[in-house]
N, C-alpha and C. Protein backbone atom coordinates (compact mmCIF):
# COMPACT_ATOMS: atom_id res chain seq x y z
N MET A 1 55.43 88.65 24.47
CA MET A 1 55.31 89.44 25.55
C MET A 1 55.62 88.64 26.80
N PRO A 2 56.39 89.22 27.60
CA PRO A 2 56.84 88.28 29.02
C PRO A 2 55.22 88.44 29.80
N ALA A 3 55.18 87.27 30.46
CA ALA A 3 53.90 87.19 31.44
C ALA A 3 54.16 87.83 32.54
N LYS A 4 53.34 88.48 33.17
CA LYS A 4 53.33 89.42 34.46
C LYS A 4 53.19 88.48 35.67
N LYS A 5 54.09 88.61 36.68
CA LYS A 5 54.01 87.85 37.63
C LYS A 5 53.13 88.39 38.69
N ILE A 6 52.12 87.59 38.98
CA ILE A 6 50.94 88.36 40.09
C ILE A 6 51.30 87.59 41.35
N THR A 7 52.00 88.53 42.25
CA THR A 7 52.12 88.02 43.69
C THR A 7 51.01 88.54 44.63
N LYS A 8 50.70 87.40 45.52
CA LYS A 8 49.51 87.53 46.29
C LYS A 8 50.03 88.30 47.34
N THR A 9 49.65 89.16 48.08
CA THR A 9 50.03 89.82 49.35
C THR A 9 48.95 89.42 50.50
N LYS A 10 49.18 89.01 51.79
CA LYS A 10 48.27 89.00 52.55
C LYS A 10 47.62 90.37 53.14
N PRO A 11 46.43 90.25 53.39
CA PRO A 11 45.75 91.58 53.85
C PRO A 11 46.27 91.75 55.30
N VAL A 12 46.90 93.16 55.45
CA VAL A 12 47.40 93.46 56.99
C VAL A 12 46.21 93.53 57.81
N GLU A 13 45.13 94.21 57.56
CA GLU A 13 44.06 94.39 58.48
C GLU A 13 42.67 94.31 57.67
N ARG A 14 41.62 93.79 58.39
CA ARG A 14 40.36 93.53 57.71
C ARG A 14 39.33 93.56 58.80
N GLU A 15 38.24 93.88 58.22
CA GLU A 15 36.82 93.95 59.18
C GLU A 15 35.75 92.76 58.47
N TYR A 16 35.21 91.92 59.50
CA TYR A 16 34.18 91.00 59.19
C TYR A 16 33.10 91.13 60.14
N ILE A 17 32.11 90.72 59.37
CA ILE A 17 30.87 90.37 60.35
C ILE A 17 30.72 88.81 60.44
N VAL A 18 31.17 88.19 61.42
CA VAL A 18 31.14 86.84 61.43
C VAL A 18 29.70 86.23 61.83
N PRO A 19 29.21 85.46 60.98
CA PRO A 19 27.73 84.91 61.44
C PRO A 19 28.16 83.45 62.38
N PHE A 20 27.15 83.31 63.35
CA PHE A 20 27.26 82.04 63.77
C PHE A 20 26.10 81.26 63.86
N ARG A 21 24.95 81.78 63.29
CA ARG A 21 23.48 81.28 63.63
C ARG A 21 23.57 79.75 63.14
N ARG A 22 24.14 79.58 62.04
CA ARG A 22 24.07 78.16 61.31
C ARG A 22 24.93 77.05 62.29
N GLU A 23 26.15 77.61 62.34
CA GLU A 23 27.09 76.89 63.37
C GLU A 23 26.65 76.68 64.69
N ILE A 24 25.98 77.49 65.33
CA ILE A 24 25.66 77.28 66.72
C ILE A 24 24.29 76.12 66.82
N SER A 25 23.38 76.21 65.87
CA SER A 25 22.29 75.47 65.61
C SER A 25 22.41 73.90 65.62
N LYS A 26 23.75 73.83 65.06
CA LYS A 26 24.07 72.54 65.02
C LYS A 26 24.58 71.63 66.25
N VAL A 27 24.80 72.40 67.23
CA VAL A 27 25.22 71.88 68.50
C VAL A 27 24.06 72.10 69.58
N PRO A 28 24.13 71.24 70.61
CA PRO A 28 23.50 71.12 71.68
C PRO A 28 23.43 72.52 72.59
N ARG A 29 22.52 72.99 73.03
CA ARG A 29 22.51 74.54 73.82
C ARG A 29 23.63 74.52 74.68
N TYR A 30 24.31 73.56 75.60
CA TYR A 30 25.02 73.75 76.29
C TYR A 30 26.39 73.83 76.08
N LYS A 31 26.37 73.78 74.45
CA LYS A 31 28.07 73.79 73.85
C LYS A 31 27.80 75.08 72.96
N ARG A 32 26.93 75.88 72.89
CA ARG A 32 27.01 76.84 71.77
C ARG A 32 27.95 78.00 72.13
N THR A 33 28.27 78.55 73.05
CA THR A 33 29.31 79.60 73.30
C THR A 33 30.45 79.10 72.87
N PRO A 34 31.04 77.78 73.17
CA PRO A 34 32.35 77.29 72.80
C PRO A 34 32.32 77.33 71.21
N LYS A 35 31.24 76.75 70.76
CA LYS A 35 31.16 76.45 69.17
C LYS A 35 31.16 77.94 68.39
N ALA A 36 30.69 78.94 69.21
CA ALA A 36 30.94 80.43 68.67
C ALA A 36 32.29 80.64 68.50
N VAL A 37 33.09 80.48 69.55
CA VAL A 37 34.41 80.62 69.64
C VAL A 37 35.23 79.96 68.50
N LYS A 38 34.89 78.54 68.16
CA LYS A 38 35.35 77.73 67.19
C LYS A 38 35.17 78.37 65.88
N ALA A 39 33.65 78.82 65.65
CA ALA A 39 33.41 79.24 64.51
C ALA A 39 34.19 80.61 64.07
N ILE A 40 34.26 81.29 64.69
CA ILE A 40 35.23 82.79 64.63
C ILE A 40 36.56 82.36 64.13
N LYS A 41 37.12 81.48 64.84
CA LYS A 41 38.51 81.03 64.44
C LYS A 41 38.75 80.20 63.08
N GLN A 42 37.60 79.61 62.86
CA GLN A 42 37.59 78.82 61.48
C GLN A 42 37.17 79.82 60.46
N PHE A 43 36.51 80.77 60.78
CA PHE A 43 35.84 81.75 59.61
C PHE A 43 37.17 82.69 59.36
N ILE A 44 37.93 83.23 60.25
CA ILE A 44 39.14 84.02 60.12
C ILE A 44 40.28 83.25 59.47
N ALA A 45 40.35 82.03 60.01
CA ALA A 45 41.54 81.16 59.09
C ALA A 45 41.15 80.95 57.80
N ARG A 46 39.91 80.76 57.34
CA ARG A 46 39.69 80.68 56.13
C ARG A 46 39.97 82.09 55.33
N HIS A 47 39.40 83.44 55.81
CA HIS A 47 39.09 84.57 55.04
C HIS A 47 40.59 85.31 55.29
N MET A 48 41.27 84.93 56.17
CA MET A 48 42.80 85.77 56.19
C MET A 48 43.87 84.79 55.63
N ARG A 49 43.42 83.77 54.98
CA ARG A 49 44.52 82.84 54.29
C ARG A 49 45.55 82.40 55.11
N ILE A 50 45.23 81.68 56.14
CA ILE A 50 46.03 81.06 57.14
C ILE A 50 46.60 79.86 56.55
N PRO A 51 47.69 79.54 56.30
CA PRO A 51 48.08 78.17 55.78
C PRO A 51 47.55 77.06 56.38
N GLU A 52 47.11 76.01 55.73
CA GLU A 52 46.52 74.98 56.47
C GLU A 52 45.29 75.09 57.38
N ARG A 53 44.81 76.57 57.14
CA ARG A 53 43.62 76.63 58.08
C ARG A 53 44.08 76.45 59.63
N ASP A 54 45.08 76.56 60.00
CA ASP A 54 45.40 76.35 61.40
C ASP A 54 44.83 77.49 62.37
N ILE A 55 43.68 76.88 63.14
CA ILE A 55 43.06 77.77 64.04
C ILE A 55 43.92 78.10 65.20
N SER A 56 45.09 77.19 65.47
CA SER A 56 45.78 77.62 66.48
C SER A 56 46.43 79.02 66.52
N ARG A 57 46.46 79.55 65.09
CA ARG A 57 47.30 80.75 64.91
C ARG A 57 46.40 82.07 64.87
N VAL A 58 44.92 81.77 65.33
CA VAL A 58 44.12 82.87 65.47
C VAL A 58 44.02 83.32 66.78
N LYS A 59 44.29 84.10 67.36
CA LYS A 59 44.12 84.87 68.72
C LYS A 59 42.95 85.75 69.10
N ILE A 60 41.98 85.28 69.77
CA ILE A 60 40.87 86.36 70.05
C ILE A 60 41.15 86.91 71.07
N ASP A 61 41.09 88.18 70.90
CA ASP A 61 40.97 89.42 72.07
C ASP A 61 40.09 89.19 73.40
N LYS A 62 40.27 89.92 74.40
CA LYS A 62 39.77 89.68 75.69
C LYS A 62 38.51 90.03 75.61
N TRP A 63 38.33 91.32 75.04
CA TRP A 63 37.00 91.71 74.86
C TRP A 63 36.19 91.22 73.86
N LEU A 64 36.59 90.53 72.98
CA LEU A 64 35.85 89.92 72.03
C LEU A 64 35.05 88.48 72.79
N ASN A 65 36.05 87.86 73.39
CA ASN A 65 35.86 86.96 74.38
C ASN A 65 34.52 87.20 75.26
N GLN A 66 34.68 88.19 76.11
CA GLN A 66 33.89 88.77 76.96
C GLN A 66 32.45 89.05 76.27
N GLU A 67 32.53 89.55 75.24
CA GLU A 67 31.12 89.88 74.44
C GLU A 67 30.55 88.59 74.10
N LEU A 68 31.29 87.46 73.47
CA LEU A 68 30.71 86.23 73.39
C LEU A 68 29.94 85.49 74.42
N TRP A 69 30.87 85.58 75.49
CA TRP A 69 30.22 85.06 76.73
C TRP A 69 29.43 85.75 77.63
N PHE A 70 29.02 86.79 77.17
CA PHE A 70 28.16 87.84 77.97
C PHE A 70 26.66 87.51 78.41
N ARG A 71 26.21 86.62 77.62
CA ARG A 71 24.91 85.99 77.91
C ARG A 71 25.07 84.52 78.15
N GLY A 72 26.14 84.12 78.56
CA GLY A 72 26.04 82.66 78.83
C GLY A 72 26.57 81.89 77.88
N ILE A 73 26.70 80.42 78.19
CA ILE A 73 27.08 79.22 77.42
C ILE A 73 26.01 78.98 76.29
N LYS A 74 24.69 79.24 76.75
CA LYS A 74 23.64 78.84 76.00
C LYS A 74 23.11 79.86 74.83
N ASN A 75 23.51 81.05 75.01
CA ASN A 75 22.83 82.14 74.33
C ASN A 75 23.92 83.17 73.68
N PRO A 76 24.97 82.83 72.88
CA PRO A 76 25.78 83.74 72.24
C PRO A 76 25.11 84.57 71.11
N PRO A 77 25.69 85.74 70.59
CA PRO A 77 25.09 86.44 69.77
C PRO A 77 24.95 85.50 68.38
N HIS A 78 23.99 85.97 67.52
CA HIS A 78 24.09 85.26 66.11
C HIS A 78 25.06 85.70 65.09
N LYS A 79 25.60 86.97 65.30
CA LYS A 79 26.65 87.43 64.64
C LYS A 79 27.30 88.69 65.32
N ILE A 80 28.54 88.73 64.92
CA ILE A 80 29.50 89.85 65.73
C ILE A 80 30.45 90.30 64.48
N LYS A 81 30.58 91.55 64.98
CA LYS A 81 31.50 92.54 63.80
C LYS A 81 32.93 92.54 64.53
N VAL A 82 34.01 92.24 63.93
CA VAL A 82 35.39 91.87 64.40
C VAL A 82 36.04 92.54 63.49
N LYS A 83 37.60 92.94 63.90
CA LYS A 83 38.65 93.26 63.05
C LYS A 83 39.72 92.59 63.22
N ALA A 84 40.24 91.89 62.11
CA ALA A 84 41.22 90.71 62.15
C ALA A 84 42.68 91.49 61.46
N ARG A 85 43.90 91.12 62.10
CA ARG A 85 45.07 91.78 61.58
C ARG A 85 46.11 90.84 61.98
N TYR A 86 47.25 90.92 61.11
CA TYR A 86 48.35 90.11 61.21
C TYR A 86 49.28 90.58 62.50
N ASP A 87 49.64 89.63 63.16
CA ASP A 87 50.45 89.96 64.33
C ASP A 87 51.59 89.13 64.37
N GLY A 88 52.40 89.11 63.46
CA GLY A 88 53.67 88.26 63.00
C GLY A 88 53.22 87.21 62.44
N GLU A 89 53.15 85.76 62.83
CA GLU A 89 52.56 84.63 62.07
C GLU A 89 51.26 84.38 62.60
N ASN A 90 51.06 85.09 63.61
CA ASN A 90 49.47 84.85 64.25
C ASN A 90 48.59 85.89 63.69
N VAL A 91 47.10 85.73 63.86
CA VAL A 91 46.16 86.62 63.40
C VAL A 91 45.44 87.24 64.62
N LYS A 92 45.43 88.44 64.90
CA LYS A 92 44.85 88.80 66.21
C LYS A 92 43.41 89.22 65.62
N VAL A 93 42.36 88.75 66.50
CA VAL A 93 40.97 89.20 66.26
C VAL A 93 40.48 90.06 67.33
N GLU A 94 40.22 91.31 67.00
CA GLU A 94 39.51 92.35 67.89
C GLU A 94 38.00 92.54 67.81
N LEU A 95 37.30 92.98 68.80
CA LEU A 95 36.02 93.38 68.70
C LEU A 95 35.95 94.81 68.10
N MET A 96 35.11 95.15 67.20
CA MET A 96 34.80 96.37 66.47
C MET A 96 33.97 97.44 67.18
N GLU A 97 32.88 96.76 67.61
CA GLU A 97 31.68 97.74 68.19
C GLU A 97 31.65 97.37 69.78
N PHE A 98 31.93 98.18 70.49
CA PHE A 98 32.00 97.66 72.10
C PHE A 98 30.51 98.14 72.35
N ALA A 99 30.05 97.19 73.27
CA ALA A 99 28.76 97.41 73.75
C ALA A 99 29.17 98.49 74.93
N ASP A 100 27.95 99.19 75.71
CA ASP A 100 28.20 100.06 76.63
C ASP A 100 28.81 99.39 77.83
N ASN A 101 28.43 98.27 78.37
CA ASN A 101 29.18 97.82 79.52
C ASN A 101 30.64 97.49 79.18
N LEU A 102 30.98 96.90 78.10
CA LEU A 102 32.37 96.71 77.71
C LEU A 102 33.08 98.10 77.57
N LYS A 103 32.51 98.99 76.89
CA LYS A 103 33.23 100.40 76.80
C LYS A 103 33.82 100.93 78.06
N TYR A 104 32.91 100.84 79.22
CA TYR A 104 33.36 101.35 80.62
C TYR A 104 34.75 100.64 81.12
N LYS A 105 34.27 99.19 80.88
CA LYS A 105 35.19 98.25 81.44
C LYS A 105 36.69 98.47 80.77
N LYS A 106 36.40 98.71 79.48
CA LYS A 106 37.88 98.89 78.81
C LYS A 106 38.43 100.11 79.16
N ALA A 107 37.69 101.20 79.26
CA ALA A 107 38.15 102.36 79.66
C ALA A 107 38.95 102.59 81.16
N ARG A 108 38.25 101.92 81.99
CA ARG A 108 38.82 101.71 83.19
C ARG A 108 40.01 100.63 83.15
N GLU A 109 40.08 99.74 82.57
CA GLU A 109 41.42 98.97 82.45
C GLU A 109 42.49 99.62 81.62
N ASP A 110 42.14 100.44 80.72
CA ASP A 110 43.16 101.26 79.89
C ASP A 110 43.84 102.30 81.14
N LYS A 111 42.93 102.96 81.76
CA LYS A 111 43.38 103.65 82.74
C LYS A 111 44.20 103.13 83.53
N ILE A 112 44.01 102.16 84.33
CA ILE A 112 44.65 101.14 85.27
C ILE A 112 46.20 100.98 84.50
N ILE A 113 46.18 100.45 83.23
CA ILE A 113 47.30 100.03 82.54
C ILE A 113 48.26 101.45 82.62
N ALA A 114 47.64 102.58 82.12
CA ALA A 114 48.52 103.82 81.99
C ALA A 114 49.03 103.98 83.29
N GLU A 115 48.11 104.11 84.43
CA GLU A 115 48.86 104.39 85.60
C GLU A 115 49.78 103.44 86.03
N ALA A 116 49.76 102.08 85.89
CA ALA A 116 50.82 101.23 85.91
C ALA A 116 52.10 101.46 85.38
N LYS A 117 52.18 101.91 83.83
CA LYS A 117 52.97 102.22 83.34
C LYS A 117 53.78 103.32 83.76
N LYS A 118 52.96 104.37 84.12
CA LYS A 118 53.38 105.68 84.70
C LYS A 118 54.28 105.44 86.07
N THR A 119 53.76 104.55 86.87
CA THR A 119 54.35 104.51 88.18
C THR A 119 55.50 103.46 87.75
N LYS A 120 55.47 102.72 86.94
CA LYS A 120 56.92 101.74 86.57
C LYS A 120 57.94 102.68 85.99
N LYS A 121 57.47 103.62 85.47
CA LYS A 121 58.50 104.57 84.79
C LYS A 121 59.24 105.49 86.01
N GLU A 122 58.15 105.94 86.74
CA GLU A 122 58.62 106.44 88.12
C GLU A 122 59.66 105.72 88.93
N LYS A 123 59.23 104.53 88.97
CA LYS A 123 60.16 103.69 90.06
C LYS A 123 61.38 103.36 89.39
N LYS A 124 61.39 103.21 88.18
CA LYS A 124 62.67 102.96 87.43
C LYS A 124 63.68 104.22 87.74
N ALA A 125 62.80 105.68 87.55
CA ALA A 125 63.65 106.92 87.52
C ALA A 125 64.04 107.03 88.85
N GLU A 126 63.43 106.59 90.02
CA GLU A 126 63.70 106.68 91.69
C GLU A 126 65.05 105.81 91.62
N GLU A 127 64.82 104.37 91.13
CA GLU A 127 65.80 103.37 91.28
C GLU A 127 67.38 104.14 90.77
N LYS A 128 67.07 104.52 89.60
CA LYS A 128 68.30 104.99 88.87
C LYS A 128 69.01 106.10 89.58
N ALA A 129 68.13 107.09 90.25
CA ALA A 129 68.24 108.45 91.16
C ALA A 129 69.34 107.66 92.32
N GLU A 130 68.55 106.70 92.87
CA GLU A 130 69.18 106.19 94.12
C GLU A 130 70.60 105.66 93.80
N LYS A 131 70.41 104.81 92.55
CA LYS A 131 71.67 104.17 92.34
C LYS A 131 72.99 105.16 92.09
N GLU A 132 72.73 106.30 91.30
CA GLU A 132 73.59 107.39 91.13
C GLU A 132 73.97 108.03 92.42
N LYS A 133 73.08 108.10 93.38
CA LYS A 133 73.30 108.79 94.82
C LYS A 133 74.33 107.76 95.63
N LYS A 134 73.77 106.50 95.51
CA LYS A 134 74.60 105.57 96.27
C LYS A 134 75.84 105.51 95.70
N GLU A 135 76.37 105.64 94.24
CA GLU A 135 77.67 105.54 93.74
C GLU A 135 78.36 106.81 94.28
N LYS A 136 77.47 107.87 94.27
CA LYS A 136 78.33 109.20 94.79
C LYS A 136 78.80 108.96 96.10
N SER A 137 77.82 108.51 96.90
CA SER A 137 78.08 108.38 98.33
C SER A 137 79.22 107.22 98.62
N GLU A 138 79.37 106.25 97.87
CA GLU A 138 80.52 105.49 97.67
C GLU A 138 81.78 106.10 97.62
N GLU A 139 81.70 106.93 96.58
CA GLU A 139 82.81 107.76 96.02
C GLU A 139 83.47 108.58 97.21
N GLU A 140 82.48 109.33 97.87
CA GLU A 140 82.66 110.32 98.93
C GLU A 140 83.31 109.28 99.97
N LYS A 141 82.78 108.27 100.34
CA LYS A 141 83.19 107.45 101.36
C LYS A 141 84.55 106.84 101.06
N GLU A 142 84.86 106.60 99.62
CA GLU A 142 86.44 106.26 99.59
C GLU A 142 87.31 107.42 99.67
N GLU A 143 86.88 108.71 99.30
CA GLU A 143 87.69 109.79 99.47
C GLU A 143 87.96 110.04 100.82
N LYS A 144 86.92 109.75 101.55
CA LYS A 144 86.85 110.27 103.14
C LYS A 144 87.91 109.03 103.94
N GLU A 145 87.69 107.82 103.57
CA GLU A 145 88.55 106.76 104.03
C GLU A 145 89.84 107.03 103.72
N LYS A 146 90.18 107.61 102.13
CA LYS A 146 91.74 107.74 102.04
C LYS A 146 92.22 108.84 102.86
N SER A 147 91.60 109.79 103.02
CA SER A 147 91.92 111.02 103.68
C SER A 147 92.31 110.82 105.22
N GLU A 148 91.16 109.97 105.86
CA GLU A 148 91.24 109.62 107.12
C GLU A 148 92.50 108.51 107.27
N SER A 149 92.69 107.72 106.27
CA SER A 149 93.71 106.55 106.20
C SER A 149 95.11 107.40 106.26
N GLY A 150 95.16 108.57 105.72
CA GLY A 150 96.39 109.36 105.60
C GLY A 150 96.63 109.80 106.83
N ALA A 151 95.58 110.44 107.46
CA ALA A 151 95.82 111.02 108.76
C ALA A 151 95.95 110.11 109.89
N GLU A 152 95.60 108.99 109.71
CA GLU A 152 95.74 107.95 110.78
C GLU A 152 97.12 107.37 110.68
N VAL A 153 97.69 107.16 109.36
CA VAL A 153 99.06 106.61 109.07
C VAL A 153 99.79 107.76 109.89
N ALA A 154 99.72 109.01 109.52
CA ALA A 154 100.59 109.91 109.96
C ALA A 154 100.51 110.04 111.44
N ARG A 155 99.32 109.86 112.24
CA ARG A 155 99.51 109.67 113.76
C ARG A 155 100.00 108.59 114.13
N LYS A 156 99.98 107.40 113.53
CA LYS A 156 100.85 106.21 113.91
C LYS A 156 102.09 106.40 113.75
N VAL A 157 102.76 107.13 112.76
CA VAL A 157 104.10 107.42 112.76
C VAL A 157 104.51 108.52 113.79
N ALA A 158 103.80 109.38 113.91
CA ALA A 158 104.11 110.40 115.23
C ALA A 158 103.99 109.72 116.54
N LYS A 159 103.26 108.73 116.49
CA LYS A 159 103.29 107.89 117.98
C LYS A 159 104.38 107.03 118.04
N GLU A 160 104.85 106.36 116.93
CA GLU A 160 106.02 105.70 117.07
C GLU A 160 107.21 106.55 117.22
N GLN A 161 107.23 107.55 116.60
CA GLN A 161 108.41 108.58 116.82
C GLN A 161 108.73 109.11 118.41
N HIS A 162 107.36 109.10 118.96
CA HIS A 162 107.38 109.51 120.21
C HIS A 162 107.79 108.44 121.18
N LYS A 163 107.18 107.21 120.75
CA LYS A 163 107.75 106.15 121.64
C LYS A 163 109.18 105.91 121.71
N THR A 164 109.93 106.12 120.30
CA THR A 164 111.25 105.86 120.33
C THR A 164 112.11 107.04 120.89
N GLN A 165 111.47 107.92 121.08
CA GLN A 165 112.40 109.15 121.64
C GLN A 165 112.20 109.01 123.22
N LYS A 166 111.03 108.46 123.65
CA LYS A 166 110.72 108.38 125.00
C LYS A 166 111.61 107.34 125.35
N HIS A 167 111.87 106.17 124.83
CA HIS A 167 112.59 104.85 125.52
C HIS A 167 113.83 104.88 125.17
N THR A 168 114.71 106.01 124.22
CA THR A 168 115.74 106.21 123.96
C THR A 168 116.33 106.66 125.38
N GLN A 169 117.56 106.21 125.62
CA GLN A 169 118.35 106.79 126.90
C GLN A 169 118.61 108.21 126.81
N ILE A 170 117.99 108.76 127.52
CA ILE A 170 118.48 110.45 127.32
C ILE A 170 119.71 110.47 128.32
N GLN A 171 120.59 111.24 127.77
CA GLN A 171 121.88 111.73 128.28
C GLN A 171 121.63 112.52 129.50
N PRO A 172 121.91 112.17 130.62
CA PRO A 172 121.69 113.24 131.78
C PRO A 172 122.62 114.51 131.45
N LYS A 173 121.64 115.61 131.58
CA LYS A 173 122.23 116.85 131.77
C LYS A 173 123.33 117.00 132.99
N GLN A 174 124.14 117.73 132.50
CA GLN A 174 125.16 118.02 133.65
C GLN A 174 124.62 119.31 134.33
N PRO A 175 124.54 119.13 135.66
CA PRO A 175 124.02 120.29 136.40
C PRO A 175 124.98 121.51 136.32
N LYS A 176 124.51 122.71 136.20
CA LYS A 176 125.21 123.78 135.99
C LYS A 176 125.78 124.12 137.48
N SER A 177 127.04 124.25 137.41
CA SER A 177 127.82 124.45 138.57
C SER A 177 127.52 125.81 139.08
N GLN A 178 127.29 125.85 140.34
CA GLN A 178 126.74 126.81 140.89
C GLN A 178 128.12 127.85 141.38
N PRO A 179 127.86 129.04 141.28
CA PRO A 179 128.98 129.78 141.31
C PRO A 179 129.42 129.86 142.86
N ILE A 180 130.74 129.60 143.03
CA ILE A 180 131.04 129.41 144.30
C ILE A 180 131.32 130.92 144.91
N ARG A 181 130.68 130.84 146.28
CA ARG A 181 130.74 132.16 146.91
C ARG A 181 132.17 132.57 147.27
N LYS A 182 132.26 133.72 147.18
CA LYS A 182 133.59 134.24 147.87
C LYS A 182 133.67 133.83 149.49
N THR A 183 132.80 133.93 150.14
CA THR A 183 133.03 133.89 151.50
C THR A 183 133.50 132.36 151.83
N LEU A 184 132.77 131.40 151.10
CA LEU A 184 133.08 130.01 151.28
C LEU A 184 134.71 129.88 151.02
N LYS A 185 134.92 130.53 149.99
CA LYS A 185 136.19 130.12 149.36
C LYS A 185 137.33 130.17 150.68
N LYS A 186 137.25 131.16 151.45
CA LYS A 186 138.30 131.34 152.30
C LYS A 186 138.67 130.24 153.29
């Protein structure tokens, strides 16, 4: 019987609870939160099977970073629940459970981003309408210029003809001879 080939597929998305307690107890208090950030990256690199456990390929979400730094540099949380997913070559790590303060911040930021996208679309639509209007007005101007130039040319030609007529020598008209009166004929 032929042997079956087993292909390993990388997981697309996973949830983890990352423990920090052991890692942060190894460093001085003033270095604990930076060590927690490094510990997340190492943990994800190991569990998501990143080649050579390259921690530069692990990208931490903004909200996860805020949660880690919320209590300052000396007192990070002892564990945290995250969601890791592949984003091309990199692995994006996001916070799973938001604290109340972060929920409101995230909702506000999402609203701002949505409004920015909406205004951006509206601006593009306005620019497109202005561009079309400008093109139409340019076409109308060209047509108007053509008609005006045609009328102008006709005026010039008429003026030239008038000048030539005026300056050509006019044959003097012979005066009509007046009838000779009979009384004068005598």
